[in-house]
Structures are given as C-alpha cells and as structure tokens.
Amino acid sequence: SFELTDRNKLKAIVVLMDPYPSFTKDGNMIANGVPMSCATTGVLQPSLELWYGGIENSYLGFDPDMDMRPLNSYLRKEEHVMLLNSSLSVEKDKVGSHKALWTPFMRFFFEDVINKYFKGLPIVLCGEAAQKMERYINPMIHYIKKVEHPVAASYANRSWNYDDMFKWVNNLIRMNNGETEQIRWYRKKGEQETEYPDWVTGTERVNED
C-alpha cells in the first residue's frame, strides 16, 4: 500500500482489518498480505466478492460485458486510494493476533503523517478494528466514515452494509477538487493493463512450509 500509492496524489484512505490469516482456502493460495486482495486466479474471498458487489451496486451503470473488476492494486497505483489494514501482519490462522503490535505505528501514521501533511481526505474505517483508529484522526481536517467490514456480512451470509461509501468518497472529492478527480472504482475491459510486480499480482507464490 505504501509503495503503490503515490503520496503526492493521495485522494482517499480505506482502512480495513488485517491480512488474510490463512494461506489456503479450498485448496487455493490466498495469503499475500495486500488489503482486499488475494493471491489466487479466479477465486475470490467472500469479503472481496462483497467489496466488488458494493461498488457495482453503487454504480448501477456497471456492465459485466463492458466493465471489469481490476486488481485492487489498480485503485492504489492509478486511482490513488490507499487501502490499508489496521494491522499489517497476522499470526497464521489467528485473526487480529498482531493488533496490539501495530497500534503504535498506526497512531504515528495518522497523527504525525496524515494529520500534519494532508487536508480534506475522505477516510473510511471498515469494521471495529479500523474504527479504533478514529481517535488518531483529526475530524477538523479530514472526513471520516464508519462502515462494517465486509467479512462480517460474509460470516452472516447476508448483504454488506457499506452505506454507499464509494459514492460518499467521490461526492467529497467532486465538491472539493472537481468532477475529473473522482475515483474510477472499476475500469473498462480492454484498457491498457498496468504492469505490476509479482508480489502484487500474486503470481509469485508463497511457500507454505
């Protein structure tokens, strides 16, 4: 997230939980540490499926014949959205196990970087772990929205209550910076694909042993 998102072009931040704690799911390699991503081909985590579904429900013009679900690396590198976990690592098969280890870093990131060097950022906090970061964000400088994490909806086998977060972000950007600066949450099929390194796309597999 820090390498792919250009700090000079940052438009919004979305904070989630922690990396997927399991290496595999149904025999597919999924763990790569990238928020809202997975190192599989054609297999999505349920929470990632809900993420894409939220975007498509928000923008009813999404046409599966003409539009595509890009890697979320596209949002970081080309749309300048920082997707960030509240914990940047996790113990295998133990959700939230490194939460306390990362709290000082996240506090520094928001208090000493985001509050000091940026203004007017839409910041979305997805889930309880992310929402604890609210105490470190200056509400007089940035816009804050709290929604549930999609994993909560996937566990309950129901729709994700994303509270129109994608349009909320774009509405703020449009009001403050103009129509052309809005985030394209999905892209057209046939557009030039950005070349990403293997560690981003998941083509370089992690040895579970």
N, C-alpha and C. Protein backbone atom coordinates (compact mmCIF):
# COMPACT_ATOMS: atom_id res chain seq x y z
N SER A 1 0.82 -1.21 0.00
CA SER A 1 0.00 0.00 0.00
C SER A 1 0.86 1.26 0.00
N PHE A 2 1.92 1.26 0.79
CA PHE A 2 2.78 2.44 0.87
C PHE A 2 3.63 2.60 -0.39
N GLU A 3 4.00 1.50 -1.00
CA GLU A 3 4.82 1.57 -2.21
C GLU A 3 3.99 1.97 -3.43
N LEU A 4 2.77 1.47 -3.53
CA LEU A 4 1.98 1.68 -4.74
C LEU A 4 1.22 2.99 -4.74
N THR A 5 0.86 3.50 -3.57
CA THR A 5 0.07 4.73 -3.51
C THR A 5 0.98 5.95 -3.47
N ASP A 6 0.89 6.79 -4.49
CA ASP A 6 1.73 7.99 -4.58
C ASP A 6 1.26 9.01 -3.54
N ARG A 7 2.12 9.34 -2.61
CA ARG A 7 1.74 10.26 -1.52
C ARG A 7 1.39 11.65 -2.05
N ASN A 8 1.92 12.00 -3.20
CA ASN A 8 1.65 13.33 -3.77
C ASN A 8 0.30 13.40 -4.49
N LYS A 9 -0.35 12.25 -4.67
CA LYS A 9 -1.62 12.22 -5.39
C LYS A 9 -2.73 11.58 -4.57
N LEU A 10 -2.48 11.34 -3.30
CA LEU A 10 -3.43 10.62 -2.45
C LEU A 10 -4.79 11.29 -2.43
N LYS A 11 -5.85 10.50 -2.70
CA LYS A 11 -7.22 11.03 -2.75
C LYS A 11 -8.09 10.56 -1.60
N ALA A 12 -7.86 9.35 -1.11
CA ALA A 12 -8.71 8.79 -0.07
C ALA A 12 -7.98 7.63 0.61
N ILE A 13 -8.43 7.30 1.82
CA ILE A 13 -7.88 6.16 2.56
C ILE A 13 -9.04 5.27 2.99
N VAL A 14 -8.87 3.97 2.79
CA VAL A 14 -9.83 2.99 3.31
C VAL A 14 -9.05 2.05 4.22
N VAL A 15 -9.44 1.99 5.49
CA VAL A 15 -8.76 1.15 6.47
C VAL A 15 -9.64 -0.07 6.76
N LEU A 16 -9.01 -1.24 6.70
CA LEU A 16 -9.73 -2.49 6.93
C LEU A 16 -9.17 -3.18 8.17
N MET A 17 -9.06 -4.51 8.15
CA MET A 17 -8.75 -5.24 9.37
C MET A 17 -7.29 -5.67 9.39
N ASP A 18 -7.02 -6.92 9.04
CA ASP A 18 -5.65 -7.40 8.94
C ASP A 18 -5.56 -8.35 7.75
N PRO A 19 -4.36 -8.77 7.36
CA PRO A 19 -4.25 -9.66 6.20
C PRO A 19 -5.01 -10.96 6.43
N TYR A 20 -5.34 -11.64 5.32
CA TYR A 20 -5.97 -12.95 5.45
C TYR A 20 -5.05 -13.85 6.26
N PRO A 21 -5.56 -14.48 7.33
CA PRO A 21 -4.69 -15.25 8.22
C PRO A 21 -4.41 -16.67 7.75
N SER A 22 -5.09 -17.12 6.70
CA SER A 22 -4.90 -18.48 6.22
C SER A 22 -4.16 -18.47 4.88
N PHE A 23 -3.23 -19.40 4.71
CA PHE A 23 -2.50 -19.48 3.45
C PHE A 23 -3.40 -19.97 2.31
N THR A 24 -4.27 -20.91 2.63
CA THR A 24 -5.10 -21.51 1.58
C THR A 24 -6.57 -21.53 1.97
N LYS A 25 -7.42 -21.57 0.96
CA LYS A 25 -8.86 -21.74 1.16
C LYS A 25 -9.35 -22.62 0.02
N ASP A 26 -9.96 -23.73 0.37
CA ASP A 26 -10.46 -24.68 -0.63
C ASP A 26 -9.36 -25.08 -1.61
N GLY A 27 -8.15 -25.22 -1.09
CA GLY A 27 -7.03 -25.66 -1.92
C GLY A 27 -6.37 -24.57 -2.73
N ASN A 28 -6.81 -23.32 -2.61
CA ASN A 28 -6.23 -22.22 -3.37
C ASN A 28 -5.38 -21.34 -2.47
N MET A 29 -4.23 -20.91 -2.96
CA MET A 29 -3.39 -19.99 -2.21
C MET A 29 -4.05 -18.62 -2.16
N ILE A 30 -4.23 -18.06 -0.98
CA ILE A 30 -4.91 -16.77 -0.87
C ILE A 30 -4.11 -15.70 -0.14
N ALA A 31 -3.16 -16.08 0.69
CA ALA A 31 -2.49 -15.09 1.53
C ALA A 31 -1.38 -14.36 0.77
N ASN A 32 -1.50 -13.04 0.68
CA ASN A 32 -0.39 -12.24 0.14
C ASN A 32 -0.19 -10.95 0.89
N GLY A 33 -0.99 -10.70 1.94
CA GLY A 33 -0.78 -9.55 2.80
C GLY A 33 -1.31 -8.23 2.27
N VAL A 34 -1.87 -8.22 1.06
CA VAL A 34 -2.36 -6.99 0.47
C VAL A 34 -3.83 -6.80 0.82
N PRO A 35 -4.22 -5.65 1.38
CA PRO A 35 -5.62 -5.45 1.77
C PRO A 35 -6.59 -5.62 0.61
N MET A 36 -7.67 -6.34 0.85
CA MET A 36 -8.72 -6.58 -0.13
C MET A 36 -8.14 -7.16 -1.42
N SER A 37 -7.29 -8.12 -1.27
CA SER A 37 -6.70 -8.80 -2.41
C SER A 37 -6.52 -10.26 -2.01
N CYS A 38 -6.07 -11.09 -2.94
CA CYS A 38 -5.73 -12.47 -2.60
C CYS A 38 -4.91 -13.05 -3.74
N ALA A 39 -4.02 -13.95 -3.40
CA ALA A 39 -3.08 -14.48 -4.39
C ALA A 39 -3.68 -15.70 -5.09
N THR A 40 -4.82 -15.52 -5.70
CA THR A 40 -5.44 -16.61 -6.43
C THR A 40 -5.79 -16.13 -7.82
N THR A 41 -6.10 -17.06 -8.68
CA THR A 41 -6.57 -16.74 -10.02
C THR A 41 -8.00 -17.23 -10.15
N GLY A 42 -8.93 -16.30 -10.28
CA GLY A 42 -10.32 -16.68 -10.48
C GLY A 42 -11.06 -17.11 -9.23
N VAL A 43 -10.44 -17.01 -8.07
CA VAL A 43 -11.10 -17.40 -6.82
C VAL A 43 -11.04 -16.21 -5.87
N LEU A 44 -12.19 -15.76 -5.40
CA LEU A 44 -12.24 -14.60 -4.52
C LEU A 44 -12.68 -15.00 -3.12
N GLN A 45 -12.07 -14.37 -2.13
CA GLN A 45 -12.59 -14.49 -0.77
C GLN A 45 -14.00 -13.91 -0.75
N PRO A 46 -14.91 -14.44 0.08
CA PRO A 46 -16.28 -13.88 0.15
C PRO A 46 -16.30 -12.40 0.44
N SER A 47 -15.40 -11.92 1.32
CA SER A 47 -15.39 -10.49 1.64
C SER A 47 -14.98 -9.65 0.45
N LEU A 48 -14.08 -10.19 -0.39
CA LEU A 48 -13.67 -9.46 -1.59
C LEU A 48 -14.80 -9.44 -2.62
N GLU A 49 -15.54 -10.53 -2.69
CA GLU A 49 -16.72 -10.58 -3.58
C GLU A 49 -17.73 -9.52 -3.17
N LEU A 50 -17.93 -9.35 -1.86
CA LEU A 50 -18.86 -8.33 -1.37
C LEU A 50 -18.33 -6.92 -1.65
N TRP A 51 -17.02 -6.74 -1.56
CA TRP A 51 -16.39 -5.45 -1.87
C TRP A 51 -16.73 -5.05 -3.30
N TYR A 52 -16.47 -5.95 -4.24
CA TYR A 52 -16.79 -5.67 -5.63
C TYR A 52 -18.29 -5.47 -5.83
N GLY A 53 -19.10 -6.29 -5.15
CA GLY A 53 -20.55 -6.14 -5.25
C GLY A 53 -21.02 -4.78 -4.77
N GLY A 54 -20.39 -4.26 -3.71
CA GLY A 54 -20.75 -2.93 -3.20
C GLY A 54 -20.48 -1.85 -4.23
N ILE A 55 -19.34 -1.96 -4.91
CA ILE A 55 -19.02 -1.00 -5.97
C ILE A 55 -20.05 -1.07 -7.09
N GLU A 56 -20.38 -2.28 -7.50
CA GLU A 56 -21.30 -2.46 -8.63
C GLU A 56 -22.72 -2.03 -8.27
N ASN A 57 -23.13 -2.23 -7.02
CA ASN A 57 -24.44 -1.77 -6.60
C ASN A 57 -24.50 -0.24 -6.50
N SER A 58 -23.37 0.37 -6.14
CA SER A 58 -23.32 1.82 -6.04
C SER A 58 -23.39 2.48 -7.41
N TYR A 59 -22.74 1.84 -8.37
CA TYR A 59 -22.69 2.39 -9.73
C TYR A 59 -23.44 1.44 -10.65
N LEU A 60 -24.76 1.70 -10.75
CA LEU A 60 -25.64 0.77 -11.46
C LEU A 60 -25.34 0.71 -12.95
N GLY A 61 -24.45 1.60 -13.41
CA GLY A 61 -24.05 1.55 -14.81
C GLY A 61 -23.01 0.47 -15.09
N PHE A 62 -22.59 -0.27 -14.07
CA PHE A 62 -21.60 -1.33 -14.27
C PHE A 62 -22.17 -2.39 -15.20
N ASP A 63 -21.47 -2.63 -16.30
CA ASP A 63 -21.90 -3.60 -17.31
C ASP A 63 -20.87 -4.73 -17.36
N PRO A 64 -21.22 -5.95 -16.93
CA PRO A 64 -20.23 -7.03 -16.90
C PRO A 64 -19.68 -7.37 -18.27
N ASP A 65 -20.38 -6.97 -19.34
CA ASP A 65 -19.86 -7.23 -20.68
C ASP A 65 -18.83 -6.19 -21.10
N MET A 66 -18.93 -4.99 -20.52
CA MET A 66 -18.05 -3.89 -20.93
C MET A 66 -17.06 -3.48 -19.84
N ASP A 67 -17.43 -3.71 -18.58
CA ASP A 67 -16.62 -3.27 -17.46
C ASP A 67 -15.92 -4.45 -16.80
N MET A 68 -14.92 -4.16 -15.99
CA MET A 68 -14.16 -5.23 -15.36
C MET A 68 -13.82 -4.91 -13.91
N ARG A 69 -13.62 -5.98 -13.15
CA ARG A 69 -13.14 -5.86 -11.78
C ARG A 69 -11.61 -5.95 -11.82
N PRO A 70 -10.93 -4.83 -11.65
CA PRO A 70 -9.46 -4.88 -11.71
C PRO A 70 -8.88 -5.34 -10.38
N LEU A 71 -7.60 -5.67 -10.37
CA LEU A 71 -6.90 -5.86 -9.11
C LEU A 71 -7.04 -4.59 -8.29
N ASN A 72 -7.18 -4.73 -6.99
CA ASN A 72 -7.28 -3.54 -6.16
C ASN A 72 -5.97 -2.75 -6.15
N SER A 73 -4.90 -3.35 -6.67
CA SER A 73 -3.66 -2.59 -6.85
C SER A 73 -3.89 -1.43 -7.80
N TYR A 74 -4.84 -1.59 -8.72
CA TYR A 74 -5.20 -0.51 -9.65
C TYR A 74 -5.71 0.71 -8.87
N LEU A 75 -6.52 0.47 -7.83
CA LEU A 75 -7.02 1.59 -7.03
C LEU A 75 -5.87 2.32 -6.34
N ARG A 76 -4.87 1.58 -5.88
CA ARG A 76 -3.75 2.20 -5.20
C ARG A 76 -2.87 3.01 -6.15
N LYS A 77 -2.49 2.37 -7.24
CA LYS A 77 -1.48 2.98 -8.11
C LYS A 77 -2.06 4.00 -9.08
N GLU A 78 -3.26 3.71 -9.63
CA GLU A 78 -3.80 4.56 -10.68
C GLU A 78 -4.90 5.50 -10.20
N GLU A 79 -5.62 5.12 -9.15
CA GLU A 79 -6.68 5.98 -8.63
C GLU A 79 -6.29 6.64 -7.32
N HIS A 80 -5.14 6.27 -6.79
CA HIS A 80 -4.55 6.95 -5.62
C HIS A 80 -5.42 6.81 -4.36
N VAL A 81 -5.97 5.60 -4.20
CA VAL A 81 -6.71 5.24 -2.98
C VAL A 81 -5.81 4.35 -2.15
N MET A 82 -5.52 4.75 -0.92
CA MET A 82 -4.72 3.89 -0.05
C MET A 82 -5.64 2.90 0.65
N LEU A 83 -5.51 1.62 0.30
CA LEU A 83 -6.19 0.55 1.02
C LEU A 83 -5.20 0.03 2.05
N LEU A 84 -5.58 0.13 3.31
CA LEU A 84 -4.63 -0.12 4.39
C LEU A 84 -5.28 -0.98 5.46
N ASN A 85 -4.55 -1.98 5.95
CA ASN A 85 -5.03 -2.75 7.08
C ASN A 85 -4.64 -2.07 8.39
N SER A 86 -5.49 -2.19 9.40
CA SER A 86 -5.16 -1.62 10.71
C SER A 86 -4.04 -2.41 11.38
N SER A 87 -3.86 -3.67 10.98
CA SER A 87 -2.70 -4.47 11.37
C SER A 87 -2.05 -4.95 10.08
N LEU A 88 -0.75 -4.77 9.96
CA LEU A 88 -0.08 -5.10 8.70
C LEU A 88 0.48 -6.50 8.67
N SER A 89 0.27 -7.25 9.73
CA SER A 89 0.66 -8.66 9.75
C SER A 89 -0.28 -9.39 10.70
N VAL A 90 -0.21 -10.72 10.66
CA VAL A 90 -1.10 -11.53 11.49
C VAL A 90 -0.47 -12.90 11.69
N GLU A 91 -0.75 -13.52 12.81
CA GLU A 91 -0.28 -14.89 13.03
C GLU A 91 -1.16 -15.84 12.25
N LYS A 92 -0.56 -16.87 11.71
CA LYS A 92 -1.30 -17.82 10.89
C LYS A 92 -2.52 -18.36 11.63
N ASP A 93 -3.68 -18.23 10.97
CA ASP A 93 -4.96 -18.76 11.44
C ASP A 93 -5.46 -18.09 12.73
N LYS A 94 -4.92 -16.90 13.06
CA LYS A 94 -5.36 -16.20 14.27
C LYS A 94 -5.69 -14.75 13.92
N VAL A 95 -6.95 -14.51 13.61
CA VAL A 95 -7.40 -13.17 13.20
C VAL A 95 -7.13 -12.16 14.31
N GLY A 96 -6.57 -11.01 13.92
CA GLY A 96 -6.35 -9.92 14.88
C GLY A 96 -5.23 -10.14 15.87
N SER A 97 -4.41 -11.15 15.66
CA SER A 97 -3.41 -11.52 16.66
C SER A 97 -2.28 -10.50 16.80
N HIS A 98 -2.05 -9.66 15.79
CA HIS A 98 -0.98 -8.66 15.87
C HIS A 98 -1.51 -7.23 16.04
N LYS A 99 -2.77 -7.13 16.44
CA LYS A 99 -3.41 -5.82 16.55
C LYS A 99 -2.62 -4.88 17.47
N ALA A 100 -2.26 -5.36 18.65
CA ALA A 100 -1.56 -4.52 19.62
C ALA A 100 -0.18 -4.11 19.12
N LEU A 101 0.46 -4.97 18.34
CA LEU A 101 1.80 -4.67 17.84
C LEU A 101 1.79 -3.49 16.87
N TRP A 102 0.70 -3.35 16.10
CA TRP A 102 0.65 -2.33 15.06
C TRP A 102 -0.01 -1.02 15.50
N THR A 103 -0.64 -1.01 16.67
CA THR A 103 -1.32 0.20 17.12
C THR A 103 -0.40 1.42 17.21
N PRO A 104 0.81 1.31 17.77
CA PRO A 104 1.69 2.49 17.81
C PRO A 104 2.04 3.01 16.41
N PHE A 105 2.26 2.10 15.48
CA PHE A 105 2.59 2.52 14.12
C PHE A 105 1.41 3.26 13.48
N MET A 106 0.21 2.70 13.63
CA MET A 106 -0.97 3.33 13.04
C MET A 106 -1.24 4.68 13.68
N ARG A 107 -1.01 4.79 14.97
CA ARG A 107 -1.18 6.08 15.64
C ARG A 107 -0.20 7.11 15.05
N PHE A 108 1.05 6.70 14.89
CA PHE A 108 2.05 7.59 14.28
C PHE A 108 1.63 7.97 12.86
N PHE A 109 1.17 7.00 12.08
CA PHE A 109 0.81 7.25 10.69
C PHE A 109 -0.28 8.33 10.60
N PHE A 110 -1.33 8.21 11.42
CA PHE A 110 -2.42 9.18 11.34
C PHE A 110 -2.08 10.50 12.03
N GLU A 111 -1.50 10.46 13.22
CA GLU A 111 -1.25 11.69 13.96
C GLU A 111 -0.09 12.50 13.37
N ASP A 112 0.98 11.83 12.97
CA ASP A 112 2.19 12.55 12.58
C ASP A 112 2.41 12.64 11.06
N VAL A 113 1.60 11.91 10.30
CA VAL A 113 1.72 12.00 8.84
C VAL A 113 0.43 12.54 8.24
N ILE A 114 -0.67 11.82 8.41
CA ILE A 114 -1.93 12.21 7.75
C ILE A 114 -2.47 13.53 8.29
N ASN A 115 -2.44 13.72 9.61
CA ASN A 115 -2.97 14.96 10.18
C ASN A 115 -2.08 16.17 9.90
N LYS A 116 -0.79 15.94 9.75
CA LYS A 116 0.15 17.06 9.59
C LYS A 116 0.38 17.46 8.14
N TYR A 117 0.33 16.48 7.23
CA TYR A 117 0.75 16.77 5.86
C TYR A 117 -0.37 16.68 4.84
N PHE A 118 -1.59 16.34 5.25
CA PHE A 118 -2.72 16.22 4.33
C PHE A 118 -3.93 16.95 4.91
N LYS A 119 -4.81 17.39 4.00
CA LYS A 119 -6.05 18.04 4.42
C LYS A 119 -7.21 17.54 3.56
N GLY A 120 -8.36 17.39 4.20
CA GLY A 120 -9.59 17.10 3.46
C GLY A 120 -9.68 15.73 2.86
N LEU A 121 -9.00 14.73 3.44
CA LEU A 121 -9.07 13.38 2.89
C LEU A 121 -10.33 12.66 3.36
N PRO A 122 -11.07 11.99 2.46
CA PRO A 122 -12.11 11.08 2.90
C PRO A 122 -11.44 9.82 3.45
N ILE A 123 -11.76 9.46 4.69
CA ILE A 123 -11.17 8.28 5.32
C ILE A 123 -12.30 7.36 5.76
N VAL A 124 -12.32 6.14 5.22
CA VAL A 124 -13.36 5.16 5.54
C VAL A 124 -12.76 4.11 6.47
N LEU A 125 -13.41 3.86 7.58
CA LEU A 125 -12.96 2.87 8.55
C LEU A 125 -13.93 1.69 8.53
N CYS A 126 -13.43 0.56 8.03
CA CYS A 126 -14.28 -0.62 7.85
C CYS A 126 -14.07 -1.61 8.99
N GLY A 127 -15.07 -1.76 9.84
CA GLY A 127 -15.00 -2.73 10.91
C GLY A 127 -14.47 -2.17 12.21
N GLU A 128 -14.63 -2.93 13.27
CA GLU A 128 -14.31 -2.48 14.63
C GLU A 128 -12.83 -2.15 14.79
N ALA A 129 -11.95 -3.00 14.26
CA ALA A 129 -10.51 -2.76 14.42
C ALA A 129 -10.10 -1.46 13.75
N ALA A 130 -10.61 -1.22 12.55
CA ALA A 130 -10.28 0.02 11.84
C ALA A 130 -10.87 1.23 12.53
N GLN A 131 -12.08 1.08 13.08
CA GLN A 131 -12.76 2.22 13.69
C GLN A 131 -12.07 2.70 14.97
N LYS A 132 -11.23 1.85 15.55
CA LYS A 132 -10.45 2.29 16.70
C LYS A 132 -9.38 3.32 16.31
N MET A 133 -9.10 3.40 15.00
CA MET A 133 -8.15 4.40 14.51
C MET A 133 -8.74 5.81 14.51
N GLU A 134 -10.07 5.90 14.67
CA GLU A 134 -10.73 7.20 14.61
C GLU A 134 -10.14 8.18 15.63
N ARG A 135 -9.72 7.67 16.79
CA ARG A 135 -9.20 8.54 17.85
C ARG A 135 -7.92 9.26 17.44
N TYR A 136 -7.25 8.76 16.38
CA TYR A 136 -6.00 9.36 15.94
C TYR A 136 -6.18 10.31 14.75
N ILE A 137 -7.39 10.42 14.23
CA ILE A 137 -7.66 11.25 13.04
C ILE A 137 -8.32 12.55 13.47
N ASN A 138 -7.81 13.65 13.02
CA ASN A 138 -8.37 14.95 13.36
C ASN A 138 -9.63 15.21 12.52
N PRO A 139 -10.82 15.22 13.14
CA PRO A 139 -12.06 15.41 12.38
C PRO A 139 -12.25 16.83 11.87
N MET A 140 -11.42 17.76 12.33
CA MET A 140 -11.48 19.12 11.83
C MET A 140 -10.70 19.27 10.52
N ILE A 141 -9.93 18.24 10.18
CA ILE A 141 -9.09 18.29 8.98
C ILE A 141 -9.58 17.32 7.92
N HIS A 142 -10.04 16.14 8.36
CA HIS A 142 -10.42 15.09 7.42
C HIS A 142 -11.87 14.67 7.61
N TYR A 143 -12.42 13.98 6.61
CA TYR A 143 -13.77 13.44 6.65
C TYR A 143 -13.68 11.96 7.05
N ILE A 144 -14.52 11.55 7.99
CA ILE A 144 -14.47 10.18 8.50
C ILE A 144 -15.83 9.50 8.30
N LYS A 145 -15.77 8.29 7.79
CA LYS A 145 -17.00 7.49 7.64
C LYS A 145 -16.72 6.10 8.20
N LYS A 146 -17.64 5.60 9.02
CA LYS A 146 -17.50 4.27 9.62
C LYS A 146 -18.54 3.33 9.03
N VAL A 147 -18.09 2.19 8.53
CA VAL A 147 -18.98 1.16 7.99
C VAL A 147 -18.52 -0.20 8.51
N GLU A 148 -19.36 -1.20 8.34
CA GLU A 148 -18.94 -2.52 8.78
C GLU A 148 -17.94 -3.12 7.79
N HIS A 149 -17.16 -4.06 8.27
CA HIS A 149 -16.21 -4.76 7.40
C HIS A 149 -16.99 -5.82 6.61
N PRO A 150 -16.67 -6.01 5.33
CA PRO A 150 -17.42 -7.00 4.55
C PRO A 150 -17.34 -8.41 5.09
N VAL A 151 -16.30 -8.71 5.86
CA VAL A 151 -16.19 -10.07 6.40
C VAL A 151 -17.33 -10.37 7.37
N ALA A 152 -17.83 -9.34 8.06
CA ALA A 152 -18.95 -9.55 8.98
C ALA A 152 -20.19 -10.01 8.22
N ALA A 153 -20.42 -9.42 7.06
CA ALA A 153 -21.56 -9.82 6.24
C ALA A 153 -21.35 -11.20 5.64
N SER A 154 -20.10 -11.51 5.27
CA SER A 154 -19.85 -12.83 4.67
C SER A 154 -20.05 -13.94 5.70
N TYR A 155 -19.66 -13.70 6.95
CA TYR A 155 -19.88 -14.69 8.01
C TYR A 155 -21.36 -14.92 8.26
N ALA A 156 -22.15 -13.84 8.14
CA ALA A 156 -23.59 -13.93 8.39
C ALA A 156 -24.38 -14.30 7.13
N ASN A 157 -23.67 -14.46 6.02
CA ASN A 157 -24.30 -14.83 4.75
C ASN A 157 -25.41 -13.85 4.37
N ARG A 158 -25.06 -12.57 4.40
CA ARG A 158 -26.04 -11.53 4.06
C ARG A 158 -25.35 -10.42 3.26
N SER A 159 -26.14 -9.43 2.85
CA SER A 159 -25.58 -8.31 2.11
C SER A 159 -24.69 -7.46 3.01
N TRP A 160 -23.72 -6.83 2.42
CA TRP A 160 -22.79 -5.98 3.14
C TRP A 160 -23.36 -4.57 3.26
N ASN A 161 -23.41 -4.04 4.48
CA ASN A 161 -23.89 -2.68 4.71
C ASN A 161 -22.73 -1.71 4.57
N TYR A 162 -22.44 -1.33 3.33
CA TYR A 162 -21.31 -0.45 3.05
C TYR A 162 -21.71 1.03 3.08
N ASP A 163 -23.00 1.30 3.29
CA ASP A 163 -23.50 2.66 3.49
C ASP A 163 -23.05 3.62 2.38
N ASP A 164 -23.07 3.13 1.16
CA ASP A 164 -22.72 3.96 -0.02
C ASP A 164 -21.38 4.66 0.13
N MET A 165 -20.41 3.96 0.71
CA MET A 165 -19.10 4.57 0.98
C MET A 165 -18.38 5.00 -0.29
N PHE A 166 -18.59 4.28 -1.39
CA PHE A 166 -17.88 4.59 -2.62
C PHE A 166 -18.37 5.92 -3.21
N LYS A 167 -19.68 6.13 -3.17
CA LYS A 167 -20.23 7.40 -3.64
C LYS A 167 -19.91 8.52 -2.66
N TRP A 168 -19.90 8.20 -1.38
CA TRP A 168 -19.57 9.21 -0.36
C TRP A 168 -18.18 9.78 -0.61
N VAL A 169 -17.22 8.91 -0.87
CA VAL A 169 -15.86 9.35 -1.17
C VAL A 169 -15.85 10.24 -2.41
N ASN A 170 -16.51 9.79 -3.47
CA ASN A 170 -16.49 10.56 -4.71
C ASN A 170 -17.23 11.89 -4.59
N ASN A 171 -18.29 11.92 -3.83
CA ASN A 171 -19.02 13.19 -3.64
C ASN A 171 -18.12 14.23 -2.99
N LEU A 172 -17.35 13.82 -1.99
CA LEU A 172 -16.44 14.74 -1.32
C LEU A 172 -15.34 15.21 -2.26
N ILE A 173 -14.79 14.28 -3.02
CA ILE A 173 -13.74 14.64 -3.97
C ILE A 173 -14.27 15.60 -5.02
N ARG A 174 -15.48 15.33 -5.52
CA ARG A 174 -16.07 16.20 -6.54
C ARG A 174 -16.30 17.61 -6.00
N MET A 175 -16.83 17.70 -4.78
CA MET A 175 -17.10 19.02 -4.19
C MET A 175 -15.82 19.81 -3.94
N ASN A 176 -14.76 19.11 -3.54
CA ASN A 176 -13.53 19.79 -3.16
C ASN A 176 -12.53 19.97 -4.29
N ASN A 177 -12.54 19.03 -5.24
CA ASN A 177 -11.49 19.03 -6.25
C ASN A 177 -11.99 18.95 -7.69
N GLY A 178 -13.29 18.78 -7.87
CA GLY A 178 -13.82 18.78 -9.23
C GLY A 178 -14.19 17.41 -9.75
N GLU A 179 -15.03 17.39 -10.75
CA GLU A 179 -15.58 16.16 -11.33
C GLU A 179 -14.50 15.21 -11.83
N THR A 180 -13.47 15.76 -12.46
CA THR A 180 -12.47 14.90 -13.11
C THR A 180 -11.57 14.17 -12.12
N GLU A 181 -11.58 14.58 -10.85
CA GLU A 181 -10.72 13.95 -9.86
C GLU A 181 -11.38 12.77 -9.16
N GLN A 182 -12.64 12.49 -9.49
CA GLN A 182 -13.33 11.39 -8.83
C GLN A 182 -12.64 10.05 -9.12
N ILE A 183 -12.82 9.11 -8.22
CA ILE A 183 -12.19 7.79 -8.33
C ILE A 183 -13.00 6.90 -9.25
N ARG A 184 -12.32 6.25 -10.17
CA ARG A 184 -12.94 5.23 -11.00
C ARG A 184 -12.76 3.90 -10.27
N TRP A 185 -13.83 3.45 -9.64
CA TRP A 185 -13.74 2.26 -8.80
C TRP A 185 -13.63 0.97 -9.62
N TYR A 186 -14.02 1.04 -10.90
CA TYR A 186 -13.82 -0.10 -11.80
C TYR A 186 -13.37 0.45 -13.14
N ARG A 187 -12.99 -0.39 -14.06
CA ARG A 187 -12.46 0.08 -15.32
C ARG A 187 -13.08 -0.67 -16.50
N LYS A 188 -12.88 -0.14 -17.68
CA LYS A 188 -13.43 -0.73 -18.89
C LYS A 188 -12.55 -1.88 -19.38
N LYS A 189 -13.20 -2.91 -19.90
CA LYS A 189 -12.44 -4.01 -20.49
C LYS A 189 -11.66 -3.50 -21.70
N GLY A 190 -10.47 -4.02 -21.86
CA GLY A 190 -9.66 -3.61 -22.99
C GLY A 190 -8.74 -2.44 -22.70
N GLU A 191 -8.91 -1.80 -21.52
CA GLU A 191 -7.99 -0.72 -21.17
C GLU A 191 -6.60 -1.28 -20.96
N GLN A 192 -5.61 -0.45 -21.19
CA GLN A 192 -4.22 -0.87 -21.01
C GLN A 192 -4.01 -1.34 -19.58
N GLU A 193 -3.53 -2.55 -19.44
CA GLU A 193 -3.26 -3.08 -18.11
C GLU A 193 -1.90 -2.60 -17.60
N THR A 194 -1.88 -2.16 -16.37
CA THR A 194 -0.62 -1.75 -15.75
C THR A 194 0.20 -2.98 -15.40
N GLU A 195 1.49 -2.89 -15.62
CA GLU A 195 2.38 -3.98 -15.23
C GLU A 195 2.71 -3.85 -13.75
N TYR A 196 2.37 -4.87 -12.99
CA TYR A 196 2.68 -4.87 -11.57
C TYR A 196 3.70 -5.97 -11.28
N PRO A 197 4.53 -5.78 -10.26
CA PRO A 197 5.47 -6.85 -9.90
C PRO A 197 4.73 -8.08 -9.38
N ASP A 198 5.43 -9.22 -9.38
CA ASP A 198 4.80 -10.49 -8.99
C ASP A 198 4.23 -10.45 -7.59
N TRP A 199 4.89 -9.72 -6.67
CA TRP A 199 4.40 -9.71 -5.30
C TRP A 199 3.06 -9.02 -5.18
N VAL A 200 2.68 -8.20 -6.18
CA VAL A 200 1.38 -7.54 -6.17
C VAL A 200 0.30 -8.44 -6.75
N THR A 201 0.61 -9.08 -7.87
CA THR A 201 -0.40 -9.87 -8.57
C THR A 201 -0.63 -11.24 -7.96
N GLY A 202 0.34 -11.69 -7.15
CA GLY A 202 0.18 -13.00 -6.54
C GLY A 202 0.68 -14.12 -7.42
N THR A 203 1.32 -13.80 -8.55
CA THR A 203 1.84 -14.85 -9.42
C THR A 203 3.07 -15.52 -8.80
N GLU A 204 3.72 -14.81 -7.89
CA GLU A 204 4.84 -15.39 -7.18
C GLU A 204 4.29 -16.00 -5.88
N ARG A 205 4.22 -17.31 -5.81
CA ARG A 205 3.56 -17.99 -4.71
C ARG A 205 4.44 -18.06 -3.47
N VAL A 206 3.77 -18.01 -2.33
CA VAL A 206 4.47 -18.15 -1.06
C VAL A 206 4.54 -19.62 -0.71
N ASN A 207 5.68 -20.09 -0.25
CA ASN A 207 5.84 -21.47 0.16
C ASN A 207 5.26 -21.63 1.55
N GLU A 208 4.19 -22.41 1.64
CA GLU A 208 3.50 -22.54 2.93
C GLU A 208 4.39 -23.19 3.98
N ASP A 209 5.33 -24.01 3.55
CA ASP A 209 6.21 -24.67 4.50
C ASP A 209 7.26 -23.72 5.04
